[in-house]
């Protein structure tokens, strides 16, 4: 099945020139992918996720894949945090999490402390009860603004060059084998 011309024209990740440029960058790096610099990348020491691009085929059409690859532990902790935040908002409807606050948001120190304590309790409760489980997955977003988006969760302790390269090779040859096991994690190892 060919993608329609409109999709290809509007999405630069389908442009043969962009694809050729990415192939050259990969060749220069002697790799089958390149890292993408993220503006929200604040922790250079984090080896639990990577944002990469590589060339592959989508519906018989060459395309650039834009992939976020992360460990299941990181995926799990994100889902646990999101669920705990939802519970916190039910208890404290006016609470806005620090990363969503508008510039004019005001909160007292007491309310902030109460919110942090409640959030921690909810996280511990969710983890203790193993309410959230995750498994290896590859989600494809063909409505992505640049090429085809991928969200990849892998049961690895870290995301490094070899793991990314092995994934890209398996993905582009149609040989990705995902572990169907459900996993749950506790956050005790990320205590500050």
N, C-alpha and C. Protein backbone atom coordinates (compact mmCIF):
# COMPACT_ATOMS: atom_id res chain seq x y z
N UNK A 1 0.84 -1.19 0.00
CA UNK A 1 0.00 0.00 0.00
C UNK A 1 0.88 1.24 0.00
N UNK A 2 0.67 2.10 -0.94
CA UNK A 2 1.42 3.35 -1.02
C UNK A 2 0.74 4.41 -0.16
N UNK A 3 1.54 5.23 0.47
CA UNK A 3 0.97 6.36 1.21
C UNK A 3 0.58 7.42 0.20
N UNK A 4 -0.45 8.17 0.52
CA UNK A 4 -0.87 9.18 -0.45
C UNK A 4 0.13 10.32 -0.53
N UNK A 5 0.12 10.99 -1.68
CA UNK A 5 1.09 12.05 -1.96
C UNK A 5 0.96 13.20 -0.96
N UNK A 6 -0.26 13.48 -0.50
CA UNK A 6 -0.48 14.58 0.45
C UNK A 6 0.28 14.32 1.75
N UNK A 7 0.19 13.08 2.27
CA UNK A 7 0.90 12.72 3.51
C UNK A 7 2.40 12.92 3.32
N UNK A 8 2.89 12.44 2.17
CA UNK A 8 4.33 12.53 1.92
C UNK A 8 4.78 13.98 1.78
N UNK A 9 3.96 14.82 1.14
CA UNK A 9 4.35 16.22 0.93
C UNK A 9 4.33 17.02 2.23
N UNK A 10 3.38 16.71 3.10
CA UNK A 10 3.24 17.48 4.33
C UNK A 10 4.21 17.04 5.41
N UNK A 11 4.68 15.82 5.35
CA UNK A 11 5.53 15.28 6.40
C UNK A 11 6.96 15.15 5.88
N UNK A 12 7.88 16.00 6.39
CA UNK A 12 9.26 15.97 5.87
C UNK A 12 10.00 14.65 6.15
N UNK A 13 9.49 13.83 7.05
CA UNK A 13 10.12 12.54 7.32
C UNK A 13 9.95 11.53 6.20
N UNK A 14 9.12 11.88 5.19
CA UNK A 14 8.95 11.04 4.00
C UNK A 14 9.73 11.59 2.80
N UNK A 15 10.36 12.76 2.97
CA UNK A 15 11.07 13.43 1.88
C UNK A 15 12.37 12.68 1.57
N UNK A 16 12.55 12.25 0.31
CA UNK A 16 13.78 11.51 -0.06
C UNK A 16 15.07 12.25 0.28
N UNK A 17 15.06 13.59 0.20
CA UNK A 17 16.26 14.36 0.54
C UNK A 17 16.55 14.27 2.04
N UNK A 18 15.51 14.37 2.86
CA UNK A 18 15.68 14.24 4.32
C UNK A 18 16.20 12.84 4.66
N UNK A 19 15.63 11.85 4.01
CA UNK A 19 16.02 10.45 4.24
C UNK A 19 17.48 10.25 3.85
N UNK A 20 17.87 10.79 2.68
CA UNK A 20 19.26 10.68 2.22
C UNK A 20 20.22 11.35 3.21
N UNK A 21 19.79 12.51 3.73
CA UNK A 21 20.63 13.24 4.70
C UNK A 21 20.81 12.42 5.98
N UNK A 22 19.72 11.81 6.47
CA UNK A 22 19.81 10.98 7.67
C UNK A 22 20.71 9.77 7.43
N UNK A 23 20.60 9.17 6.26
CA UNK A 23 21.47 8.02 5.92
C UNK A 23 22.94 8.44 5.97
N UNK A 24 23.23 9.65 5.46
CA UNK A 24 24.60 10.16 5.48
C UNK A 24 25.08 10.38 6.93
N UNK A 25 24.20 10.95 7.75
CA UNK A 25 24.56 11.18 9.16
C UNK A 25 24.83 9.85 9.86
N UNK A 26 24.01 8.85 9.59
CA UNK A 26 24.21 7.53 10.19
C UNK A 26 25.54 6.93 9.73
N UNK A 27 25.81 7.09 8.42
CA UNK A 27 27.06 6.56 7.85
C UNK A 27 28.26 7.24 8.52
N UNK A 28 28.17 8.55 8.70
CA UNK A 28 29.25 9.32 9.33
C UNK A 28 29.48 8.87 10.77
N UNK A 29 28.40 8.48 11.45
CA UNK A 29 28.49 8.01 12.83
C UNK A 29 28.82 6.52 12.90
N UNK A 30 28.84 5.87 11.73
CA UNK A 30 29.05 4.43 11.66
C UNK A 30 28.02 3.69 12.52
N UNK A 31 26.75 4.11 12.38
CA UNK A 31 25.66 3.55 13.18
C UNK A 31 24.40 3.45 12.33
N UNK A 32 23.42 2.73 12.83
CA UNK A 32 22.16 2.62 12.10
C UNK A 32 21.10 3.58 12.65
N UNK A 33 21.52 4.54 13.49
CA UNK A 33 20.63 5.55 14.05
C UNK A 33 21.46 6.77 14.44
N UNK A 34 20.76 7.89 14.68
CA UNK A 34 21.42 9.06 15.27
C UNK A 34 20.59 9.51 16.47
N UNK A 35 21.27 10.15 17.42
CA UNK A 35 20.57 10.72 18.57
C UNK A 35 19.96 12.05 18.17
N UNK A 36 18.80 12.36 18.76
CA UNK A 36 18.13 13.64 18.54
C UNK A 36 18.30 14.46 19.81
N UNK A 37 18.74 15.70 19.63
CA UNK A 37 18.88 16.60 20.77
C UNK A 37 17.49 17.09 21.18
N UNK A 38 17.16 16.94 22.45
CA UNK A 38 15.86 17.39 22.94
C UNK A 38 16.01 18.66 23.75
N UNK A 39 15.08 19.59 23.54
CA UNK A 39 15.12 20.83 24.32
C UNK A 39 14.76 20.59 25.77
N UNK A 40 14.00 19.50 26.06
CA UNK A 40 13.62 19.22 27.45
C UNK A 40 14.54 18.21 28.09
N UNK A 41 15.61 17.89 27.43
CA UNK A 41 16.60 16.95 27.95
C UNK A 41 17.42 17.67 29.01
N UNK A 42 17.09 17.43 30.28
CA UNK A 42 17.77 18.18 31.33
C UNK A 42 18.77 17.33 32.10
N UNK A 43 18.76 16.03 31.88
CA UNK A 43 19.61 15.15 32.67
C UNK A 43 20.47 14.31 31.75
N UNK A 44 21.71 14.78 31.52
CA UNK A 44 22.59 14.07 30.61
C UNK A 44 23.00 12.70 31.15
N UNK A 45 22.88 12.50 32.45
CA UNK A 45 23.29 11.24 33.05
C UNK A 45 22.20 10.18 32.97
N UNK A 46 21.02 10.53 32.48
CA UNK A 46 19.93 9.56 32.44
C UNK A 46 20.17 8.59 31.30
N UNK A 47 20.38 7.33 31.65
CA UNK A 47 20.62 6.31 30.63
C UNK A 47 19.41 5.37 30.52
N UNK A 48 18.24 5.87 30.95
CA UNK A 48 17.04 5.04 30.88
C UNK A 48 16.16 5.40 29.70
N UNK A 49 16.56 6.37 28.89
CA UNK A 49 15.79 6.71 27.70
C UNK A 49 16.69 7.33 26.65
N UNK A 50 16.23 7.28 25.41
CA UNK A 50 16.95 7.92 24.31
C UNK A 50 15.95 8.34 23.25
N UNK A 51 16.27 9.42 22.57
CA UNK A 51 15.47 9.91 21.45
C UNK A 51 16.36 9.77 20.22
N UNK A 52 15.95 8.92 19.30
CA UNK A 52 16.77 8.62 18.12
C UNK A 52 15.95 8.68 16.84
N UNK A 53 16.66 8.75 15.72
CA UNK A 53 16.02 8.64 14.41
C UNK A 53 16.79 7.64 13.58
N UNK A 54 16.04 6.92 12.73
CA UNK A 54 16.65 5.98 11.81
C UNK A 54 15.76 5.82 10.59
N UNK A 55 16.33 5.27 9.52
CA UNK A 55 15.58 5.08 8.29
C UNK A 55 15.06 3.65 8.25
N UNK A 56 13.80 3.52 7.85
CA UNK A 56 13.20 2.20 7.71
C UNK A 56 12.08 2.26 6.69
N UNK A 57 11.32 1.21 6.60
CA UNK A 57 10.19 1.17 5.66
C UNK A 57 8.89 1.19 6.45
N UNK A 58 7.93 1.93 5.93
CA UNK A 58 6.59 1.95 6.48
C UNK A 58 5.62 1.81 5.32
N UNK A 59 4.84 0.75 5.32
CA UNK A 59 3.90 0.47 4.22
C UNK A 59 4.61 0.58 2.87
N UNK A 60 5.73 -0.13 2.75
CA UNK A 60 6.53 -0.19 1.51
C UNK A 60 7.11 1.15 1.08
N UNK A 61 7.14 2.10 1.97
CA UNK A 61 7.65 3.44 1.67
C UNK A 61 8.82 3.73 2.61
N UNK A 62 9.95 4.19 2.07
CA UNK A 62 11.08 4.54 2.93
C UNK A 62 10.70 5.77 3.75
N UNK A 63 11.08 5.76 5.03
CA UNK A 63 10.66 6.83 5.94
C UNK A 63 11.68 6.99 7.06
N UNK A 64 11.65 8.14 7.70
CA UNK A 64 12.45 8.36 8.90
C UNK A 64 11.57 8.02 10.10
N UNK A 65 12.09 7.15 10.96
CA UNK A 65 11.41 6.84 12.22
C UNK A 65 12.00 7.74 13.29
N UNK A 66 11.14 8.35 14.07
CA UNK A 66 11.53 9.19 15.19
C UNK A 66 11.10 8.43 16.44
N UNK A 67 12.08 7.90 17.17
CA UNK A 67 11.77 6.95 18.24
C UNK A 67 12.21 7.43 19.62
N UNK A 68 11.29 7.28 20.58
CA UNK A 68 11.62 7.43 21.99
C UNK A 68 11.73 6.01 22.53
N UNK A 69 12.91 5.68 23.04
CA UNK A 69 13.16 4.34 23.56
C UNK A 69 13.47 4.49 25.04
N UNK A 70 12.78 3.70 25.88
CA UNK A 70 12.98 3.85 27.32
C UNK A 70 12.86 2.50 28.02
N UNK A 71 13.40 2.46 29.25
CA UNK A 71 13.31 1.24 30.04
C UNK A 71 11.89 1.09 30.57
N UNK A 72 11.52 -0.15 30.85
CA UNK A 72 10.21 -0.39 31.45
C UNK A 72 10.13 0.23 32.84
N UNK A 73 11.24 0.25 33.57
CA UNK A 73 11.23 0.84 34.91
C UNK A 73 10.87 2.33 34.83
N UNK A 74 11.45 3.04 33.86
CA UNK A 74 11.14 4.45 33.69
C UNK A 74 9.67 4.63 33.27
N UNK A 75 9.21 3.79 32.36
CA UNK A 75 7.82 3.84 31.91
C UNK A 75 6.87 3.61 33.09
N UNK A 76 7.19 2.61 33.89
CA UNK A 76 6.38 2.28 35.07
C UNK A 76 6.34 3.45 36.05
N UNK A 77 7.50 4.03 36.35
CA UNK A 77 7.52 5.12 37.33
C UNK A 77 6.76 6.33 36.82
N UNK A 78 6.76 6.57 35.51
CA UNK A 78 6.00 7.67 34.93
C UNK A 78 4.50 7.43 35.09
N UNK A 79 4.06 6.20 34.81
CA UNK A 79 2.64 5.86 34.94
C UNK A 79 2.20 5.92 36.40
N UNK A 80 3.05 5.46 37.32
CA UNK A 80 2.73 5.51 38.75
C UNK A 80 2.59 6.97 39.19
N UNK A 81 3.54 7.81 38.79
CA UNK A 81 3.49 9.23 39.15
C UNK A 81 2.21 9.87 38.62
N UNK A 82 1.88 9.59 37.36
CA UNK A 82 0.67 10.17 36.76
C UNK A 82 -0.59 9.75 37.52
N UNK A 83 -0.66 8.47 37.91
CA UNK A 83 -1.82 7.98 38.66
C UNK A 83 -1.88 8.62 40.04
N UNK A 84 -0.72 8.73 40.71
CA UNK A 84 -0.66 9.36 42.03
C UNK A 84 -1.09 10.83 41.94
N UNK A 85 -0.69 11.50 40.87
CA UNK A 85 -1.05 12.90 40.66
C UNK A 85 -2.57 13.03 40.46
N UNK A 86 -3.18 12.10 39.74
CA UNK A 86 -4.64 12.12 39.57
C UNK A 86 -5.34 11.99 40.92
N UNK A 87 -4.84 11.08 41.76
CA UNK A 87 -5.44 10.89 43.10
C UNK A 87 -5.26 12.14 43.95
N UNK A 88 -4.09 12.76 43.84
CA UNK A 88 -3.80 13.97 44.60
C UNK A 88 -4.77 15.08 44.18
N UNK A 89 -5.04 15.18 42.88
CA UNK A 89 -5.95 16.23 42.38
C UNK A 89 -7.38 16.00 42.88
N UNK A 90 -7.75 14.75 43.16
CA UNK A 90 -9.07 14.48 43.74
C UNK A 90 -9.13 14.95 45.19
N UNK A 91 -8.02 14.77 45.91
CA UNK A 91 -7.93 15.20 47.31
C UNK A 91 -7.77 16.72 47.42
N UNK A 92 -6.98 17.27 46.53
CA UNK A 92 -6.69 18.71 46.53
C UNK A 92 -6.99 19.25 45.13
N UNK A 93 -8.26 19.50 44.84
CA UNK A 93 -8.67 19.89 43.47
C UNK A 93 -7.96 21.12 42.90
N UNK A 94 -7.50 22.01 43.74
CA UNK A 94 -6.84 23.23 43.24
C UNK A 94 -5.34 23.07 43.04
N UNK A 95 -4.81 21.89 43.36
CA UNK A 95 -3.37 21.67 43.23
C UNK A 95 -2.98 21.54 41.76
N UNK A 96 -1.89 22.20 41.40
CA UNK A 96 -1.33 22.09 40.05
C UNK A 96 0.12 21.63 40.21
N UNK A 97 0.50 20.55 39.51
CA UNK A 97 1.86 20.03 39.65
C UNK A 97 2.88 21.05 39.15
N UNK A 98 4.10 21.04 39.72
CA UNK A 98 5.11 22.04 39.37
C UNK A 98 5.36 22.19 37.87
N UNK A 99 5.33 21.09 37.12
CA UNK A 99 5.62 21.19 35.68
C UNK A 99 4.44 21.69 34.85
N UNK A 100 3.28 21.89 35.48
CA UNK A 100 2.09 22.39 34.76
C UNK A 100 1.66 23.77 35.25
N UNK A 101 2.39 24.35 36.17
CA UNK A 101 1.96 25.61 36.80
C UNK A 101 2.14 26.82 35.89
N UNK A 102 1.09 27.65 35.82
CA UNK A 102 1.27 28.93 35.12
C UNK A 102 2.12 29.86 36.00
N UNK A 103 2.64 30.91 35.40
CA UNK A 103 3.54 31.83 36.12
C UNK A 103 2.88 32.47 37.34
N UNK A 104 1.58 32.68 37.30
CA UNK A 104 0.90 33.37 38.40
C UNK A 104 0.35 32.41 39.47
N UNK A 105 0.69 31.14 39.41
CA UNK A 105 0.17 30.15 40.37
C UNK A 105 0.76 30.40 41.76
N UNK A 106 -0.11 30.42 42.76
CA UNK A 106 0.34 30.64 44.16
C UNK A 106 -0.06 29.44 45.00
N UNK A 107 0.87 29.00 45.85
CA UNK A 107 0.58 27.92 46.79
C UNK A 107 1.41 28.17 48.04
N UNK A 108 0.80 27.95 49.19
CA UNK A 108 1.54 28.17 50.44
C UNK A 108 2.52 27.02 50.66
N UNK A 109 3.52 27.27 51.48
CA UNK A 109 4.50 26.22 51.80
C UNK A 109 3.81 25.04 52.47
N UNK A 110 2.82 25.32 53.32
CA UNK A 110 2.10 24.25 54.01
C UNK A 110 1.34 23.38 53.01
N UNK A 111 0.67 24.02 52.06
CA UNK A 111 -0.07 23.27 51.04
C UNK A 111 0.89 22.46 50.17
N UNK A 112 2.02 23.05 49.83
CA UNK A 112 3.02 22.36 49.01
C UNK A 112 3.54 21.13 49.75
N UNK A 113 3.84 21.30 51.04
CA UNK A 113 4.33 20.17 51.85
C UNK A 113 3.26 19.08 51.96
N UNK A 114 2.02 19.48 52.19
CA UNK A 114 0.92 18.51 52.30
C UNK A 114 0.76 17.75 50.98
N UNK A 115 0.84 18.48 49.86
CA UNK A 115 0.70 17.87 48.55
C UNK A 115 1.83 16.86 48.29
N UNK A 116 3.06 17.25 48.62
CA UNK A 116 4.21 16.35 48.41
C UNK A 116 4.08 15.09 49.26
N UNK A 117 3.63 15.25 50.50
CA UNK A 117 3.45 14.11 51.38
C UNK A 117 2.37 13.16 50.85
N UNK A 118 1.25 13.73 50.44
CA UNK A 118 0.16 12.92 49.88
C UNK A 118 0.62 12.20 48.60
N UNK A 119 1.32 12.93 47.75
CA UNK A 119 1.80 12.35 46.50
C UNK A 119 2.72 11.16 46.79
N UNK A 120 3.61 11.32 47.74
CA UNK A 120 4.52 10.24 48.12
C UNK A 120 3.74 9.04 48.65
N UNK A 121 2.74 9.30 49.48
CA UNK A 121 1.92 8.21 50.01
C UNK A 121 1.19 7.47 48.90
N UNK A 122 0.63 8.22 47.94
CA UNK A 122 -0.07 7.59 46.83
C UNK A 122 0.88 6.73 45.99
N UNK A 123 2.07 7.26 45.72
CA UNK A 123 3.07 6.50 44.95
C UNK A 123 3.40 5.20 45.65
N UNK A 124 3.67 5.28 46.96
CA UNK A 124 4.01 4.08 47.72
C UNK A 124 2.86 3.07 47.72
N UNK A 125 1.64 3.56 47.85
CA UNK A 125 0.46 2.69 47.86
C UNK A 125 0.29 1.98 46.51
N UNK A 126 0.43 2.73 45.43
CA UNK A 126 0.28 2.16 44.08
C UNK A 126 1.34 1.10 43.84
N UNK A 127 2.59 1.40 44.23
CA UNK A 127 3.68 0.43 44.04
C UNK A 127 3.48 -0.80 44.91
N UNK A 128 3.15 -0.57 46.17
CA UNK A 128 2.97 -1.67 47.11
C UNK A 128 1.88 -2.64 46.65
N UNK A 129 0.80 -2.09 46.12
CA UNK A 129 -0.32 -2.92 45.65
C UNK A 129 -0.13 -3.42 44.22
N UNK A 130 1.01 -3.04 43.61
CA UNK A 130 1.30 -3.42 42.22
C UNK A 130 0.11 -3.14 41.31
N UNK A 131 -0.45 -1.94 41.46
CA UNK A 131 -1.63 -1.56 40.69
C UNK A 131 -1.31 -1.32 39.23
N UNK A 132 -0.08 -0.96 38.94
CA UNK A 132 0.30 -0.65 37.56
C UNK A 132 1.37 -1.63 37.11
N UNK A 133 1.13 -2.24 35.97
CA UNK A 133 2.12 -3.15 35.38
C UNK A 133 2.39 -2.69 33.95
N UNK A 134 3.58 -3.00 33.48
CA UNK A 134 3.99 -2.62 32.12
C UNK A 134 4.62 -3.82 31.44
N UNK A 135 4.62 -3.78 30.12
CA UNK A 135 5.29 -4.82 29.35
C UNK A 135 6.00 -4.17 28.17
N UNK A 136 6.92 -4.91 27.58
CA UNK A 136 7.61 -4.38 26.42
C UNK A 136 6.59 -4.05 25.34
N UNK A 137 6.82 -2.95 24.65
CA UNK A 137 5.88 -2.54 23.61
C UNK A 137 6.54 -1.65 22.57
N UNK A 138 5.93 -1.62 21.40
CA UNK A 138 6.30 -0.69 20.34
C UNK A 138 5.00 -0.08 19.84
N UNK A 139 4.85 1.22 20.05
CA UNK A 139 3.66 1.92 19.56
C UNK A 139 4.07 2.77 18.37
N UNK A 140 3.33 2.62 17.27
CA UNK A 140 3.62 3.34 16.04
C UNK A 140 2.61 4.48 15.87
N UNK A 141 3.13 5.69 15.60
CA UNK A 141 2.28 6.86 15.37
C UNK A 141 2.51 7.35 13.95
N UNK A 142 1.62 6.96 13.03
CA UNK A 142 1.80 7.37 11.64
C UNK A 142 1.20 8.75 11.36
N UNK A 143 0.70 9.42 12.40
CA UNK A 143 0.23 10.80 12.27
C UNK A 143 1.26 11.78 12.83
N UNK A 144 2.47 11.30 13.02
CA UNK A 144 3.55 12.08 13.60
C UNK A 144 3.93 13.23 12.66
N UNK A 145 4.44 14.33 13.22
CA UNK A 145 4.75 15.49 12.38
C UNK A 145 6.04 15.32 11.58
N UNK A 146 6.90 14.37 11.98
CA UNK A 146 8.15 14.15 11.24
C UNK A 146 8.37 12.65 11.09
N UNK A 147 8.10 12.16 9.90
CA UNK A 147 8.25 10.73 9.67
C UNK A 147 7.18 9.96 10.42
N UNK A 148 7.59 8.81 10.96
CA UNK A 148 6.69 7.97 11.74
C UNK A 148 7.24 7.90 13.16
N UNK A 149 6.39 8.19 14.13
CA UNK A 149 6.81 8.18 15.53
C UNK A 149 6.77 6.78 16.11
N UNK A 150 7.70 6.50 16.97
CA UNK A 150 7.73 5.23 17.70
C UNK A 150 7.90 5.52 19.18
N UNK A 151 7.18 4.77 19.98
CA UNK A 151 7.39 4.77 21.43
C UNK A 151 7.72 3.33 21.78
N UNK A 152 8.91 3.13 22.35
CA UNK A 152 9.41 1.78 22.57
C UNK A 152 9.79 1.60 24.04
N UNK A 153 9.16 0.63 24.69
CA UNK A 153 9.50 0.29 26.07
C UNK A 153 10.19 -1.06 26.08
N UNK A 154 11.41 -1.10 26.62
CA UNK A 154 12.18 -2.34 26.65
C UNK A 154 12.54 -2.72 28.08
N UNK A 155 12.53 -4.01 28.36
CA UNK A 155 12.89 -4.50 29.69
C UNK A 155 14.41 -4.60 29.80
N UNK A 156 15.03 -3.43 29.90
CA UNK A 156 16.49 -3.33 30.02
C UNK A 156 16.78 -2.43 31.22
N UNK A 157 17.98 -2.58 31.80
CA UNK A 157 18.34 -1.72 32.92
C UNK A 157 18.81 -0.36 32.45
N UNK A 158 19.25 -0.27 31.18
CA UNK A 158 19.65 1.00 30.62
C UNK A 158 19.42 0.97 29.11
N UNK A 159 19.40 2.14 28.51
CA UNK A 159 19.28 2.26 27.07
C UNK A 159 20.62 2.81 26.58
N UNK A 160 21.37 1.97 25.88
CA UNK A 160 22.69 2.38 25.40
C UNK A 160 22.79 2.14 23.89
N UNK A 161 23.94 2.48 23.31
CA UNK A 161 24.13 2.36 21.86
C UNK A 161 23.84 0.95 21.35
N UNK A 162 24.33 -0.07 22.05
CA UNK A 162 24.14 -1.45 21.58
C UNK A 162 22.66 -1.84 21.61
N UNK A 163 21.98 -1.50 22.68
CA UNK A 163 20.55 -1.84 22.79
C UNK A 163 19.76 -1.12 21.69
N UNK A 164 20.07 0.15 21.46
CA UNK A 164 19.37 0.90 20.40
C UNK A 164 19.67 0.28 19.04
N UNK A 165 20.95 0.03 18.77
CA UNK A 165 21.35 -0.54 17.49
C UNK A 165 20.69 -1.90 17.24
N UNK A 166 20.67 -2.74 18.28
CA UNK A 166 20.03 -4.06 18.16
C UNK A 166 18.53 -3.91 17.89
N UNK A 167 17.90 -2.95 18.57
CA UNK A 167 16.47 -2.73 18.35
C UNK A 167 16.22 -2.26 16.91
N UNK A 168 17.00 -1.28 16.45
CA UNK A 168 16.81 -0.74 15.09
C UNK A 168 16.98 -1.85 14.06
N UNK A 169 18.00 -2.67 14.26
CA UNK A 169 18.25 -3.78 13.32
C UNK A 169 17.05 -4.74 13.31
N UNK A 170 16.58 -5.12 14.48
CA UNK A 170 15.43 -6.04 14.58
C UNK A 170 14.18 -5.39 13.99
N UNK A 171 13.97 -4.11 14.28
CA UNK A 171 12.76 -3.42 13.81
C UNK A 171 12.76 -3.31 12.29
N UNK A 172 13.89 -2.90 11.71
CA UNK A 172 13.93 -2.67 10.26
C UNK A 172 13.91 -3.97 9.47
N UNK A 173 14.21 -5.09 10.12
CA UNK A 173 14.14 -6.39 9.44
C UNK A 173 12.87 -7.15 9.81
N UNK A 174 12.01 -6.51 10.63
CA UNK A 174 10.75 -7.14 11.00
C UNK A 174 10.90 -8.29 11.99
N UNK A 175 11.97 -8.23 12.80
CA UNK A 175 12.25 -9.32 13.73
C UNK A 175 12.19 -8.91 15.20
N UNK A 176 11.40 -7.90 15.53
CA UNK A 176 11.29 -7.48 16.93
C UNK A 176 10.51 -8.55 17.69
N UNK A 177 11.09 -9.01 18.78
CA UNK A 177 10.40 -9.97 19.64
C UNK A 177 10.26 -9.33 21.01
N UNK A 178 9.03 -9.08 21.39
CA UNK A 178 8.76 -8.40 22.65
C UNK A 178 8.42 -9.41 23.74
N UNK A 179 8.90 -9.12 24.93
CA UNK A 179 8.61 -9.94 26.10
C UNK A 179 7.18 -9.61 26.55
N UNK A 180 6.27 -10.60 26.57
CA UNK A 180 4.87 -10.32 26.94
C UNK A 180 4.64 -10.26 28.45
N UNK A 181 5.68 -10.54 29.25
CA UNK A 181 5.55 -10.56 30.71
C UNK A 181 5.17 -9.18 31.24
N UNK A 182 4.27 -9.15 32.21
CA UNK A 182 3.91 -7.90 32.88
C UNK A 182 4.87 -7.67 34.04
N UNK A 183 5.37 -6.44 34.18
CA UNK A 183 6.31 -6.10 35.24
C UNK A 183 5.77 -4.95 36.08
N UNK A 184 6.17 -4.96 37.35
CA UNK A 184 5.88 -3.87 38.26
C UNK A 184 7.19 -3.55 38.98
N UNK A 185 7.39 -2.32 39.33
CA UNK A 185 8.65 -1.89 39.96
C UNK A 185 8.34 -1.08 41.22
N UNK A 186 9.33 -0.98 42.09
CA UNK A 186 9.20 -0.07 43.23
C UNK A 186 10.23 1.02 43.07
N UNK A 187 9.92 2.20 43.61
CA UNK A 187 10.79 3.35 43.42
C UNK A 187 11.88 3.48 44.46
N UNK A 188 12.07 2.45 45.29
CA UNK A 188 13.05 2.58 46.38
C UNK A 188 14.45 2.86 45.87
N UNK A 189 14.77 2.41 44.64
CA UNK A 189 16.12 2.67 44.15
C UNK A 189 16.31 4.09 43.67
N UNK A 190 15.23 4.88 43.48
CA UNK A 190 15.46 6.25 43.08
C UNK A 190 15.24 7.26 44.19
N UNK A 191 15.37 6.83 45.42
CA UNK A 191 15.30 7.78 46.53
C UNK A 191 16.48 8.74 46.43
N UNK A 192 16.23 10.02 46.65
CA UNK A 192 17.31 11.02 46.55
C UNK A 192 18.15 11.00 47.79
